[in-house]
Amino acid sequence: MEYHKTKDILRVKQILGRKSINSTLLYTQLVNFDGDEYDVKVAESKKEIEELLKVGFEWVGQDKDGLIYLRKRK
């Protein structure tokens, strides 16, 4: 779950206390997150972005009108 959230394999290796990254890589490949559901929010201001990031949303993208899309796993 931590790898899915952060995409930081070295952090996951450290959290699990592994000496070798190979076993960490094996376990991260076994998890399938295809059916994940997210709450999606749209922010227009820096204040809105800041508030959403504080409660665990992550940046997804920005459209041509400057709207920022963020998501958080349900």
Protein backbone atom coordinates (compact mmCIF):
# COMPACT_ATOMS: atom_id res chain seq x y z
CA MET A 1 0.00 0.00 0.00
CA GLU A 2 2.84 2.39 0.80
CA TYR A 3 4.43 1.77 -2.59
CA HIS A 4 1.13 2.39 -4.35
CA LYS A 5 0.73 5.65 -2.44
CA THR A 6 4.29 6.99 -2.77
CA LYS A 7 5.91 5.11 -5.69
CA ASP A 8 9.08 5.15 -3.55
CA ILE A 9 10.49 1.61 -3.55
CA LEU A 10 13.43 2.55 -1.30
CA ARG A 11 11.07 3.94 1.36
CA VAL A 12 9.06 0.72 1.26
CA LYS A 13 12.25 -1.34 1.57
CA GLN A 14 13.23 0.66 4.63
CA ILE A 15 9.78 0.42 6.25
CA LEU A 16 9.75 -3.37 5.77
CA GLY A 17 13.31 -3.66 7.11
CA ARG A 18 14.56 -5.55 4.07
CA LYS A 19 18.27 -5.86 3.34
CA SER A 20 17.72 -6.55 -0.36
CA ILE A 21 15.46 -4.59 -2.67
CA ASN A 22 14.69 -7.74 -4.68
CA SER A 23 12.13 -9.09 -2.21
CA THR A 24 10.51 -5.66 -1.97
CA LEU A 25 10.22 -5.53 -5.75
CA LEU A 26 8.64 -8.97 -5.77
CA TYR A 27 5.91 -8.00 -3.31
CA THR A 28 5.08 -4.70 -5.00
CA GLN A 29 4.53 -6.55 -8.29
CA LEU A 30 2.10 -8.98 -6.67
CA VAL A 31 -0.37 -6.28 -5.63
CA ASN A 32 -3.03 -5.36 -8.19
CA PHE A 33 -4.70 -1.97 -7.71
CA ASP A 34 -6.84 -1.96 -10.86
CA GLY A 35 -10.16 -1.66 -9.08
CA ASP A 36 -9.21 1.21 -6.79
CA GLU A 37 -11.74 3.94 -6.26
CA TYR A 38 -10.85 7.56 -5.60
CA ASP A 39 -12.49 10.73 -4.40
CA VAL A 40 -11.66 13.41 -6.96
CA LYS A 41 -11.64 17.15 -6.24
CA VAL A 42 -11.03 20.17 -8.46
CA ALA A 43 -9.19 23.18 -7.05
CA GLU A 44 -9.03 26.68 -8.49
CA SER A 45 -6.88 28.47 -5.94
CA LYS A 46 -3.65 27.88 -4.06
CA LYS A 47 -5.62 27.84 -0.80
CA GLU A 48 -7.91 25.06 -2.06
CA ILE A 49 -4.90 23.04 -3.25
CA GLU A 50 -3.16 23.46 0.10
CA GLU A 51 -6.23 22.33 2.05
CA LEU A 52 -6.75 19.25 -0.13
CA LEU A 53 -3.07 18.25 0.10
CA LYS A 54 -3.24 18.55 3.90
CA VAL A 55 -6.03 15.95 4.04
CA GLY A 56 -4.25 13.44 1.82
CA PHE A 57 -5.19 14.30 -1.75
CA GLU A 58 -2.52 13.95 -4.44
CA TRP A 59 -2.04 16.01 -7.58
CA VAL A 60 -3.29 14.35 -10.77
CA GLY A 61 -3.15 17.09 -13.38
CA GLN A 62 -4.15 20.50 -14.62
CA ASP A 63 -6.37 21.46 -17.52
CA LYS A 64 -6.01 24.36 -19.97
CA ASP A 65 -8.27 26.56 -17.82
CA GLY A 66 -5.95 26.26 -14.84
CA LEU A 67 -8.13 23.89 -12.82
CA ILE A 68 -6.11 21.48 -10.70
CA TYR A 69 -7.34 17.89 -10.29
CA LEU A 70 -6.52 15.98 -7.12
CA ARG A 71 -7.48 12.52 -5.89
CA LYS A 72 -7.46 10.48 -2.69
CA ARG A 73 -8.14 6.78 -2.31
CA LYS A 74 -11.54 6.04 -0.74
